[in-house]
Amino acid sequence: MEIVTAVAYPEVHDAYLRDHPVDRAHEANSNMYGEENLDRADRIPGGWWRIRLSRTDVLGIVLPWHLSEGGELELVPRSGLTVGEAAERIRAGGAAWTAANPVCAAKLRLLRWAPLTPVFLSTAPVDHSDYGDLVLRSGLIHLDGLHRMLAWELAGRLPERELLDGYLVGDPGVAAGPARAGRRGDESA
């Protein structure tokens, strides 16, 4: 993870709404929940940061409980999974998973070739029941972008180098881990 610069919350909120309008006419529009998560996350100490992520970073992001848009098979249990683990669950489930979760599967198909827009993350879970039972309580934790990250991984589009933009709230040292703490983007890797 590369830390680009500190940013103020209004910039994060505006960036979110530019790509994810809450009034978008779409039967499975969940952008209002993403916006609520950003508001909840703004209470996490450490401020907001613009970041860049690699595929390895994205695969390690912790996802909260996700019931597959009302499908029959839960994608992410209440204890959480990483993006990499959830992608493997989809791959392993194959056609049976797709048939059991038509709305979630449709979102993944739709987003496979969508532009690589910023993802929104925190270093700690937000105060919401979907995050209450997460086993991992620090690191890179999803706020918005679950379907996009999974779709891009399944399509083989996640960048190997730190090229995917994102926004992070919290102490970036917690997210970066001991080997990367303190890295600010102007040092060589």
Protein backbone atom coordinates (compact mmCIF):
# COMPACT_ATOMS: atom_id res chain seq x y z
CA MET A 1 0.00 0.00 0.00
CA GLU A 2 1.26 3.41 -0.94
CA ILE A 3 0.06 6.43 1.03
CA VAL A 4 -0.38 9.34 -1.39
CA THR A 5 -1.58 12.18 0.83
CA ALA A 6 -3.85 13.13 3.71
CA VAL A 7 -7.31 14.30 2.64
CA ALA A 8 -10.32 15.88 4.32
CA TYR A 9 -13.57 13.95 4.67
CA PRO A 10 -15.56 16.24 2.31
CA GLU A 11 -13.15 15.27 -0.51
CA VAL A 12 -13.71 11.57 0.26
CA HIS A 13 -17.49 12.02 0.39
CA ASP A 14 -17.53 13.95 -2.90
CA ALA A 15 -15.33 11.33 -4.59
CA TYR A 16 -17.70 8.61 -3.44
CA LEU A 17 -20.83 10.34 -4.72
CA ARG A 18 -19.20 11.13 -8.09
CA ASP A 19 -18.84 7.41 -8.85
CA HIS A 20 -21.69 6.05 -6.69
CA PRO A 21 -24.76 8.32 -6.71
CA VAL A 22 -27.30 7.26 -4.12
CA ASP A 23 -30.17 8.07 -6.47
CA ARG A 24 -28.89 5.95 -9.40
CA ALA A 25 -31.78 4.12 -11.05
CA HIS A 26 -30.72 0.52 -10.54
CA GLU A 27 -32.73 -2.28 -8.95
CA ALA A 28 -29.85 -3.32 -6.67
CA ASN A 29 -28.43 0.14 -5.92
CA SER A 30 -26.79 -0.09 -2.49
CA ASN A 31 -24.85 3.19 -2.72
CA MET A 32 -26.81 4.68 0.18
CA TYR A 33 -25.32 1.98 2.44
CA GLY A 34 -21.83 2.82 1.25
CA GLU A 35 -22.42 6.48 2.01
CA GLU A 36 -23.67 5.54 5.51
CA ASN A 37 -20.51 3.48 6.04
CA LEU A 38 -18.33 6.46 5.11
CA ASP A 39 -20.19 8.59 7.66
CA ARG A 40 -19.71 5.91 10.33
CA ALA A 41 -16.04 5.52 9.42
CA ASP A 42 -15.36 9.24 9.75
CA ARG A 43 -15.43 8.65 13.54
CA ILE A 44 -12.34 6.37 13.38
CA PRO A 45 -9.28 8.24 14.70
CA GLY A 46 -6.40 8.92 12.33
CA GLY A 47 -7.97 10.95 9.54
CA TRP A 48 -8.48 10.13 5.87
CA TRP A 49 -5.77 9.21 3.38
CA ARG A 50 -5.66 8.81 -0.36
CA ILE A 51 -3.85 5.56 -1.09
CA ARG A 52 -2.83 3.24 -3.92
CA LEU A 53 -3.20 -0.51 -3.71
CA SER A 54 -1.72 -3.52 -5.45
CA ARG A 55 -3.47 -6.82 -6.11
CA THR A 56 -1.79 -8.29 -3.02
CA ASP A 57 -3.16 -5.44 -0.89
CA VAL A 58 -6.68 -5.88 -2.30
CA LEU A 59 -6.69 -9.66 -1.78
CA GLY A 60 -5.97 -9.06 1.92
CA ILE A 61 -8.84 -6.60 2.50
CA VAL A 62 -11.28 -7.91 5.11
CA LEU A 63 -14.90 -8.07 3.99
CA PRO A 64 -17.84 -7.95 6.42
CA TRP A 65 -20.85 -10.26 6.40
CA HIS A 66 -22.50 -10.41 2.98
CA LEU A 67 -25.60 -12.46 2.28
CA SER A 68 -25.16 -12.28 -1.52
CA GLU A 69 -27.87 -9.68 -2.11
CA GLY A 70 -30.57 -11.93 -0.67
CA GLY A 71 -29.30 -15.06 -2.38
CA GLU A 72 -29.41 -18.57 -1.01
CA LEU A 73 -25.68 -18.91 -0.23
CA GLU A 74 -23.89 -16.51 2.04
CA LEU A 75 -20.78 -15.10 0.36
CA VAL A 76 -19.06 -13.80 3.49
CA PRO A 77 -19.82 -15.27 6.94
CA ARG A 78 -20.26 -13.00 9.95
CA SER A 79 -16.64 -13.74 10.96
CA GLY A 80 -15.46 -12.12 7.70
CA LEU A 81 -13.31 -13.20 4.76
CA THR A 82 -10.62 -11.48 2.77
CA VAL A 83 -11.27 -10.49 -0.83
CA GLY A 84 -9.00 -13.36 -1.87
CA GLU A 85 -10.95 -15.90 0.21
CA ALA A 86 -14.32 -14.65 -1.08
CA ALA A 87 -13.10 -14.77 -4.69
CA GLU A 88 -11.99 -18.37 -4.14
CA ARG A 89 -15.40 -19.18 -2.66
CA ILE A 90 -17.07 -17.86 -5.83
CA ARG A 91 -14.66 -19.77 -8.08
CA ALA A 92 -15.18 -22.99 -6.13
CA GLY A 93 -18.97 -22.56 -6.15
CA GLY A 94 -19.07 -22.18 -9.93
CA ALA A 95 -22.45 -22.36 -11.65
CA ALA A 96 -24.19 -23.53 -8.47
CA TRP A 97 -23.11 -20.39 -6.58
CA THR A 98 -24.16 -18.19 -9.51
CA ALA A 99 -27.60 -19.84 -9.74
CA ALA A 100 -28.16 -19.54 -5.98
CA ASN A 101 -27.17 -15.85 -5.91
CA PRO A 102 -28.52 -14.24 -9.09
CA VAL A 103 -28.43 -10.58 -7.98
CA CYS A 104 -24.91 -10.78 -6.56
CA ALA A 105 -23.71 -12.74 -9.61
CA ALA A 106 -25.27 -10.13 -11.93
CA LYS A 107 -23.41 -7.34 -10.10
CA LEU A 108 -20.15 -9.24 -10.49
CA ARG A 109 -20.76 -9.73 -14.23
CA LEU A 110 -21.67 -6.06 -14.67
CA LEU A 111 -18.56 -4.83 -12.87
CA ARG A 112 -15.95 -7.15 -14.44
CA TRP A 113 -14.99 -4.56 -17.05
CA ALA A 114 -16.06 -1.43 -15.16
CA PRO A 115 -13.42 1.28 -14.70
CA LEU A 116 -11.06 0.76 -11.76
CA THR A 117 -12.63 3.37 -9.50
CA PRO A 118 -11.39 4.10 -5.96
CA VAL A 119 -12.28 1.72 -3.14
CA PHE A 120 -13.05 2.89 0.39
CA LEU A 121 -11.42 1.28 3.41
CA SER A 122 -10.83 1.68 7.13
CA THR A 123 -8.27 0.37 9.60
CA ALA A 124 -10.97 -0.78 12.03
CA PRO A 125 -14.55 -2.04 11.71
CA VAL A 126 -17.34 0.54 11.66
CA ASP A 127 -20.15 0.45 14.20
CA HIS A 128 -22.64 -1.71 12.29
CA SER A 129 -24.00 -5.21 12.83
CA ASP A 130 -22.41 -6.49 9.57
CA TYR A 131 -18.98 -5.78 11.12
CA GLY A 132 -19.74 -6.82 14.71
CA ASP A 133 -18.41 -10.38 14.53
CA LEU A 134 -15.33 -9.82 12.36
CA VAL A 135 -12.42 -11.90 13.62
CA LEU A 136 -9.81 -9.52 12.18
CA ARG A 137 -10.37 -6.16 13.86
CA SER A 138 -7.57 -4.13 12.22
CA GLY A 139 -5.79 -3.86 8.90
CA LEU A 140 -7.50 -2.98 5.63
CA ILE A 141 -11.25 -3.32 6.18
CA HIS A 142 -13.91 -2.80 3.50
CA LEU A 143 -16.26 0.17 3.61
CA ASP A 144 -17.34 0.15 -0.04
CA GLY A 145 -16.26 -1.74 -3.14
CA LEU A 146 -16.95 -5.42 -2.32
CA HIS A 147 -18.50 -6.30 -5.69
CA ARG A 148 -15.99 -4.22 -7.66
CA MET A 149 -12.94 -5.76 -5.98
CA LEU A 150 -14.30 -9.28 -6.39
CA ALA A 151 -15.30 -8.70 -10.03
CA TRP A 152 -11.88 -7.26 -10.89
CA GLU A 153 -10.09 -10.18 -9.22
CA LEU A 154 -12.28 -12.74 -10.96
CA ALA A 155 -11.57 -11.01 -14.30
CA GLY A 156 -7.81 -10.88 -13.61
CA ARG A 157 -7.77 -7.07 -13.68
CA LEU A 158 -6.29 -6.12 -10.31
CA PRO A 159 -2.91 -4.39 -10.81
CA GLU A 160 0.18 -6.20 -9.53
CA ARG A 161 1.77 -2.85 -8.59
CA GLU A 162 0.23 -0.15 -6.40
CA LEU A 163 -1.98 1.45 -9.03
CA LEU A 164 -5.56 1.07 -7.72
CA ASP A 165 -6.73 4.27 -6.03
CA GLY A 166 -8.50 4.22 -2.73
CA TYR A 167 -9.36 6.14 0.40
CA LEU A 168 -8.47 4.94 3.88
CA VAL A 169 -9.59 6.20 7.26
CA GLY A 170 -7.56 5.51 10.39
CA ASP A 171 -3.91 5.08 11.25
CA PRO A 172 -2.18 4.02 8.03
CA GLY A 173 0.54 2.30 10.06
CA VAL A 174 -2.07 -0.20 11.28
CA ALA A 175 -3.10 -0.97 7.70
CA ALA A 176 0.41 -1.11 6.30
CA GLY A 177 1.74 -3.54 8.90
CA PRO A 178 5.20 -3.46 10.42
CA ALA A 179 7.09 -4.06 7.14
CA ARG A 180 5.44 -1.12 5.39
CA ALA A 181 4.68 1.29 8.21
CA GLY A 182 5.86 4.78 7.53
CA ARG A 183 5.92 4.43 3.75
CA ARG A 184 4.54 7.59 2.19
CA GLY A 185 4.84 7.00 -1.54
CA ASP A 186 7.97 9.02 -2.22
CA GLU A 187 10.39 6.32 -1.15
CA SER A 188 11.45 3.43 -3.36
CA ALA A 189 9.82 0.08 -2.64
